[in-house]
Amino acid sequence: MEQPVTLFAQNETLENVLSDLSKKYNVRFSYSNSRLPLQRKININVSNIPLKDVLNQIFEPLND
């Protein structure tokens, strides 16, 4: 979770962003499709940020 991540996504679905992270950084995510809004659009631009912080940025707005 401390692995540095660089990610740019503009108007991408949550599903695509998680898939990209999984492929680029060799991480696996386990989630229920019915619990996550996978079609929600995400905008994020980070460089060399720990994966845990990137995930917090992605999921924080979903708590609203």
PDB file of N, CA and C in Angstrom:
ATOM      1  N   MET A   1       0.815  -1.203   0.000  1.00  0.00           N
ATOM      2  CA  MET A   1       0.000   0.000   0.000  1.00  0.00           C
ATOM      3  C   MET A   1       0.859   1.268   0.000  1.00  0.00           C
ATOM      4  N   GLU A   2       2.125   1.112   0.254  1.00  0.00           N
ATOM      5  CA  GLU A   2       3.027   2.271   0.225  1.00  0.00           C
ATOM      6  C   GLU A   2       3.669   2.454  -1.147  1.00  0.00           C
ATOM      7  N   GLN A   3       3.377   1.548  -2.067  1.00  0.00           N
ATOM      8  CA  GLN A   3       3.948   1.616  -3.409  1.00  0.00           C
ATOM      9  C   GLN A   3       3.596   2.949  -4.066  1.00  0.00           C
ATOM     10  N   PRO A   4       4.585   3.682  -4.597  1.00  0.00           N
ATOM     11  CA  PRO A   4       4.284   4.947  -5.272  1.00  0.00           C
ATOM     12  C   PRO A   4       3.510   4.727  -6.566  1.00  0.00           C
ATOM     13  N   VAL A   5       2.524   5.565  -6.773  1.00  0.00           N
ATOM     14  CA  VAL A   5       1.634   5.445  -7.922  1.00  0.00           C
ATOM     15  C   VAL A   5       1.569   6.780  -8.652  1.00  0.00           C
ATOM     16  N   THR A   6       1.593   6.702  -9.975  1.00  0.00           N
ATOM     17  CA  THR A   6       1.336   7.861 -10.822  1.00  0.00           C
ATOM     18  C   THR A   6       0.104   7.514 -11.654  1.00  0.00           C
ATOM     19  N   LEU A   7      -0.878   8.395 -11.605  1.00  0.00           N
ATOM     20  CA  LEU A   7      -2.148   8.099 -12.263  1.00  0.00           C
ATOM     21  C   LEU A   7      -2.793   9.381 -12.757  1.00  0.00           C
ATOM     22  N   PHE A   8      -3.226   9.354 -13.996  1.00  0.00           N
ATOM     23  CA  PHE A   8      -4.024  10.443 -14.559  1.00  0.00           C
ATOM     24  C   PHE A   8      -5.280   9.824 -15.146  1.00  0.00           C
ATOM     25  N   ALA A   9      -6.410  10.260 -14.672  1.00  0.00           N
ATOM     26  CA  ALA A   9      -7.690   9.798 -15.210  1.00  0.00           C
ATOM     27  C   ALA A   9      -8.639  10.980 -15.230  1.00  0.00           C
ATOM     28  N   GLN A  10      -9.189  11.242 -16.385  1.00  0.00           N
ATOM     29  CA  GLN A  10     -10.145  12.330 -16.516  1.00  0.00           C
ATOM     30  C   GLN A  10     -11.438  11.776 -17.092  1.00  0.00           C
ATOM     31  N   ASN A  11     -12.481  11.873 -16.296  1.00  0.00           N
ATOM     32  CA  ASN A  11     -13.803  11.405 -16.697  1.00  0.00           C
ATOM     33  C   ASN A  11     -13.798   9.908 -17.033  1.00  0.00           C
ATOM     34  N   GLU A  12     -13.026   9.143 -16.272  1.00  0.00           N
ATOM     35  CA  GLU A  12     -12.956   7.689 -16.434  1.00  0.00           C
ATOM     36  C   GLU A  12     -13.857   7.028 -15.392  1.00  0.00           C
ATOM     37  N   THR A  13     -14.399   5.877 -15.720  1.00  0.00           N
ATOM     38  CA  THR A  13     -15.225   5.176 -14.741  1.00  0.00           C
ATOM     39  C   THR A  13     -14.350   4.604 -13.626  1.00  0.00           C
ATOM     40  N   LEU A  14     -14.943   4.457 -12.480  1.00  0.00           N
ATOM     41  CA  LEU A  14     -14.258   3.842 -11.347  1.00  0.00           C
ATOM     42  C   LEU A  14     -13.762   2.453 -11.743  1.00  0.00           C
ATOM     43  N   GLU A  15     -14.564   1.728 -12.477  1.00  0.00           N
ATOM     44  CA  GLU A  15     -14.184   0.391 -12.930  1.00  0.00           C
ATOM     45  C   GLU A  15     -12.889   0.433 -13.748  1.00  0.00           C
ATOM     46  N   ASN A  16     -12.778   1.369 -14.677  1.00  0.00           N
ATOM     47  CA  ASN A  16     -11.575   1.488 -15.503  1.00  0.00           C
ATOM     48  C   ASN A  16     -10.363   1.914 -14.691  1.00  0.00           C
ATOM     49  N   VAL A  17     -10.566   2.813 -13.758  1.00  0.00           N
ATOM     50  CA  VAL A  17      -9.460   3.287 -12.924  1.00  0.00           C
ATOM     51  C   VAL A  17      -8.906   2.134 -12.079  1.00  0.00           C
ATOM     52  N   LEU A  18      -9.783   1.362 -11.468  1.00  0.00           N
ATOM     53  CA  LEU A  18      -9.330   0.220 -10.670  1.00  0.00           C
ATOM     54  C   LEU A  18      -8.640  -0.820 -11.546  1.00  0.00           C
ATOM     55  N   SER A  19      -9.153  -1.028 -12.726  1.00  0.00           N
ATOM     56  CA  SER A  19      -8.540  -1.970 -13.657  1.00  0.00           C
ATOM     57  C   SER A  19      -7.146  -1.504 -14.070  1.00  0.00           C
ATOM     58  N   ASP A  20      -7.013  -0.220 -14.363  1.00  0.00           N
ATOM     59  CA  ASP A  20      -5.706   0.334 -14.733  1.00  0.00           C
ATOM     60  C   ASP A  20      -4.700   0.199 -13.599  1.00  0.00           C
ATOM     61  N   LEU A  21      -5.138   0.517 -12.400  1.00  0.00           N
ATOM     62  CA  LEU A  21      -4.239   0.384 -11.242  1.00  0.00           C
ATOM     63  C   LEU A  21      -3.803  -1.068 -11.068  1.00  0.00           C
ATOM     64  N   SER A  22      -4.733  -1.961 -11.234  1.00  0.00           N
ATOM     65  CA  SER A  22      -4.438  -3.385 -11.089  1.00  0.00           C
ATOM     66  C   SER A  22      -3.391  -3.843 -12.100  1.00  0.00           C
ATOM     67  N   LYS A  23      -3.546  -3.431 -13.332  1.00  0.00           N
ATOM     68  CA  LYS A  23      -2.621  -3.829 -14.390  1.00  0.00           C
ATOM     69  C   LYS A  23      -1.250  -3.178 -14.235  1.00  0.00           C
ATOM     70  N   LYS A  24      -1.229  -1.875 -13.990  1.00  0.00           N
ATOM     71  CA  LYS A  24       0.039  -1.133 -13.924  1.00  0.00           C
ATOM     72  C   LYS A  24       0.885  -1.499 -12.716  1.00  0.00           C
ATOM     73  N   TYR A  25       0.217  -1.755 -11.592  1.00  0.00           N
ATOM     74  CA  TYR A  25       0.948  -1.902 -10.333  1.00  0.00           C
ATOM     75  C   TYR A  25       0.827  -3.299  -9.728  1.00  0.00           C
ATOM     76  N   ASN A  26       0.263  -4.216 -10.502  1.00  0.00           N
ATOM     77  CA  ASN A  26       0.174  -5.610 -10.078  1.00  0.00           C
ATOM     78  C   ASN A  26      -0.472  -5.763  -8.699  1.00  0.00           C
ATOM     79  N   VAL A  27      -1.608  -5.090  -8.540  1.00  0.00           N
ATOM     80  CA  VAL A  27      -2.395  -5.204  -7.307  1.00  0.00           C
ATOM     81  C   VAL A  27      -3.761  -5.764  -7.677  1.00  0.00           C
ATOM     82  N   ARG A  28      -4.383  -6.393  -6.724  1.00  0.00           N
ATOM     83  CA  ARG A  28      -5.717  -6.954  -6.949  1.00  0.00           C
ATOM     84  C   ARG A  28      -6.699  -6.292  -5.981  1.00  0.00           C
ATOM     85  N   PHE A  29      -7.881  -6.054  -6.496  1.00  0.00           N
ATOM     86  CA  PHE A  29      -8.942  -5.461  -5.696  1.00  0.00           C
ATOM     87  C   PHE A  29     -10.095  -6.450  -5.606  1.00  0.00           C
ATOM     88  N   SER A  30     -10.663  -6.536  -4.438  1.00  0.00           N
ATOM     89  CA  SER A  30     -11.824  -7.380  -4.222  1.00  0.00           C
ATOM     90  C   SER A  30     -12.970  -6.487  -3.758  1.00  0.00           C
ATOM     91  N   TYR A  31     -14.064  -6.538  -4.488  1.00  0.00           N
ATOM     92  CA  TYR A  31     -15.207  -5.698  -4.145  1.00  0.00           C
ATOM     93  C   TYR A  31     -16.474  -6.307  -4.717  1.00  0.00           C
ATOM     94  N   SER A  32     -17.571  -5.868  -4.177  1.00  0.00           N
ATOM     95  CA  SER A  32     -18.871  -6.302  -4.660  1.00  0.00           C
ATOM     96  C   SER A  32     -19.378  -5.273  -5.677  1.00  0.00           C
ATOM     97  N   ASN A  33     -19.705  -5.734  -6.854  1.00  0.00           N
ATOM     98  CA  ASN A  33     -20.213  -4.831  -7.891  1.00  0.00           C
ATOM     99  C   ASN A  33     -21.469  -4.085  -7.440  1.00  0.00           C
ATOM    100  N   SER A  34     -22.250  -4.718  -6.587  1.00  0.00           N
ATOM    101  CA  SER A  34     -23.484  -4.083  -6.135  1.00  0.00           C
ATOM    102  C   SER A  34     -23.232  -3.016  -5.058  1.00  0.00           C
ATOM    103  N   ARG A  35     -22.034  -2.992  -4.488  1.00  0.00           N
ATOM    104  CA  ARG A  35     -21.728  -2.035  -3.416  1.00  0.00           C
ATOM    105  C   ARG A  35     -20.945  -0.818  -3.900  1.00  0.00           C
ATOM    106  N   LEU A  36     -20.353  -0.913  -5.081  1.00  0.00           N
ATOM    107  CA  LEU A  36     -19.567   0.197  -5.614  1.00  0.00           C
ATOM    108  C   LEU A  36     -20.210   0.747  -6.882  1.00  0.00           C
ATOM    109  N   PRO A  37     -20.231   2.062  -7.005  1.00  0.00           N
ATOM    110  CA  PRO A  37     -20.778   2.665  -8.236  1.00  0.00           C
ATOM    111  C   PRO A  37     -19.708   2.634  -9.339  1.00  0.00           C
ATOM    112  N   LEU A  38     -19.530   1.490  -9.957  1.00  0.00           N
ATOM    113  CA  LEU A  38     -18.429   1.282 -10.903  1.00  0.00           C
ATOM    114  C   LEU A  38     -18.509   2.168 -12.136  1.00  0.00           C
ATOM    115  N   GLN A  39     -19.675   2.685 -12.439  1.00  0.00           N
ATOM    116  CA  GLN A  39     -19.810   3.561 -13.604  1.00  0.00           C
ATOM    117  C   GLN A  39     -19.645   5.043 -13.256  1.00  0.00           C
ATOM    118  N   ARG A  40     -19.426   5.321 -11.986  1.00  0.00           N
ATOM    119  CA  ARG A  40     -19.200   6.712 -11.567  1.00  0.00           C
ATOM    120  C   ARG A  40     -17.913   7.230 -12.193  1.00  0.00           C
ATOM    121  N   LYS A  41     -17.954   8.465 -12.667  1.00  0.00           N
ATOM    122  CA  LYS A  41     -16.801   9.072 -13.322  1.00  0.00           C
ATOM    123  C   LYS A  41     -15.811   9.608 -12.283  1.00  0.00           C
ATOM    124  N   ILE A  42     -14.537   9.372 -12.563  1.00  0.00           N
ATOM    125  CA  ILE A  42     -13.453   9.751 -11.666  1.00  0.00           C
ATOM    126  C   ILE A  42     -12.510  10.702 -12.394  1.00  0.00           C
ATOM    127  N   ASN A  43     -12.048  11.726 -11.668  1.00  0.00           N
ATOM    128  CA  ASN A  43     -10.982  12.601 -12.141  1.00  0.00           C
ATOM    129  C   ASN A  43      -9.888  12.585 -11.087  1.00  0.00           C
ATOM    130  N   ILE A  44      -8.677  12.224 -11.500  1.00  0.00           N
ATOM    131  CA  ILE A  44      -7.562  12.192 -10.560  1.00  0.00           C
ATOM    132  C   ILE A  44      -6.267  12.405 -11.333  1.00  0.00           C
ATOM    133  N   ASN A  45      -5.351  13.134 -10.727  1.00  0.00           N
ATOM    134  CA  ASN A  45      -4.044  13.376 -11.326  1.00  0.00           C
ATOM    135  C   ASN A  45      -3.028  13.387 -10.186  1.00  0.00           C
ATOM    136  N   VAL A  46      -2.290  12.296 -10.036  1.00  0.00           N
ATOM    137  CA  VAL A  46      -1.308  12.176  -8.951  1.00  0.00           C
ATOM    138  C   VAL A  46       0.002  11.629  -9.518  1.00  0.00           C
ATOM    139  N   SER A  47       1.081  11.964  -8.835  1.00  0.00           N
ATOM    140  CA  SER A  47       2.396  11.513  -9.269  1.00  0.00           C
ATOM    141  C   SER A  47       3.211  11.084  -8.061  1.00  0.00           C
ATOM    142  N   ASN A  48       3.650   9.834  -8.074  1.00  0.00           N
ATOM    143  CA  ASN A  48       4.487   9.265  -7.010  1.00  0.00           C
ATOM    144  C   ASN A  48       3.872   9.405  -5.622  1.00  0.00           C
ATOM    145  N   ILE A  49       2.599   9.090  -5.530  1.00  0.00           N
ATOM    146  CA  ILE A  49       1.849   9.124  -4.278  1.00  0.00           C
ATOM    147  C   ILE A  49       1.631   7.674  -3.835  1.00  0.00           C
ATOM    148  N   PRO A  50       1.746   7.382  -2.534  1.00  0.00           N
ATOM    149  CA  PRO A  50       1.484   6.008  -2.082  1.00  0.00           C
ATOM    150  C   PRO A  50       0.091   5.526  -2.499  1.00  0.00           C
ATOM    151  N   LEU A  51       0.020   4.266  -2.891  1.00  0.00           N
ATOM    152  CA  LEU A  51      -1.230   3.676  -3.353  1.00  0.00           C
ATOM    153  C   LEU A  51      -2.362   3.900  -2.356  1.00  0.00           C
ATOM    154  N   LYS A  52      -2.097   3.758  -1.078  1.00  0.00           N
ATOM    155  CA  LYS A  52      -3.161   3.930  -0.078  1.00  0.00           C
ATOM    156  C   LYS A  52      -3.753   5.338  -0.137  1.00  0.00           C
ATOM    157  N   ASP A  53      -2.912   6.342  -0.398  1.00  0.00           N
ATOM    158  CA  ASP A  53      -3.403   7.721  -0.490  1.00  0.00           C
ATOM    159  C   ASP A  53      -4.204   7.943  -1.774  1.00  0.00           C
ATOM    160  N   VAL A  54      -3.775   7.308  -2.846  1.00  0.00           N
ATOM    161  CA  VAL A  54      -4.517   7.395  -4.107  1.00  0.00           C
ATOM    162  C   VAL A  54      -5.900   6.775  -3.930  1.00  0.00           C
ATOM    163  N   LEU A  55      -5.950   5.614  -3.298  1.00  0.00           N
ATOM    164  CA  LEU A  55      -7.243   4.965  -3.067  1.00  0.00           C
ATOM    165  C   LEU A  55      -8.136   5.821  -2.178  1.00  0.00           C
ATOM    166  N   ASN A  56      -7.556   6.469  -1.181  1.00  0.00           N
ATOM    167  CA  ASN A  56      -8.344   7.375  -0.344  1.00  0.00           C
ATOM    168  C   ASN A  56      -8.925   8.514  -1.169  1.00  0.00           C
ATOM    169  N   GLN A  57      -8.142   9.071  -2.085  1.00  0.00           N
ATOM    170  CA  GLN A  57      -8.634  10.159  -2.936  1.00  0.00           C
ATOM    171  C   GLN A  57      -9.760   9.675  -3.847  1.00  0.00           C
ATOM    172  N   ILE A  58      -9.627   8.461  -4.330  1.00  0.00           N
ATOM    173  CA  ILE A  58     -10.653   7.911  -5.216  1.00  0.00           C
ATOM    174  C   ILE A  58     -11.952   7.629  -4.456  1.00  0.00           C
ATOM    175  N   PHE A  59     -11.844   7.038  -3.270  1.00  0.00           N
ATOM    176  CA  PHE A  59     -13.033   6.579  -2.562  1.00  0.00           C
ATOM    177  C   PHE A  59     -13.651   7.613  -1.624  1.00  0.00           C
ATOM    178  N   GLU A  60     -12.913   8.616  -1.240  1.00  0.00           N
ATOM    179  CA  GLU A  60     -13.452   9.638  -0.319  1.00  0.00           C
ATOM    180  C   GLU A  60     -14.762  10.263  -0.854  1.00  0.00           C
ATOM    181  N   PRO A  61     -14.820  10.680  -2.117  1.00  0.00           N
ATOM    182  CA  PRO A  61     -16.078  11.270  -2.624  1.00  0.00           C
ATOM    183  C   PRO A  61     -17.257  10.292  -2.624  1.00  0.00           C
ATOM    184  N   LEU A  62     -16.975   9.012  -2.594  1.00  0.00           N
ATOM    185  CA  LEU A  62     -18.058   8.025  -2.605  1.00  0.00           C
ATOM    186  C   LEU A  62     -18.767   7.936  -1.264  1.00  0.00           C
ATOM    187  N   ASN A  63     -18.165   8.518  -0.231  1.00  0.00           N
ATOM    188  CA  ASN A  63     -18.769   8.506   1.102  1.00  0.00           C
ATOM    189  C   ASN A  63     -19.810   9.584   1.292  1.00  0.00           C
ATOM    190  N   ASP A  64     -19.949  10.460   0.294  1.00  0.00           N
ATOM    191  CA  ASP A  64     -20.926  11.568   0.408  1.00  0.00           C
ATOM    192  C   ASP A  64     -22.344  11.073   0.339  1.00  0.00           C
TER     193      ASP A  64
END
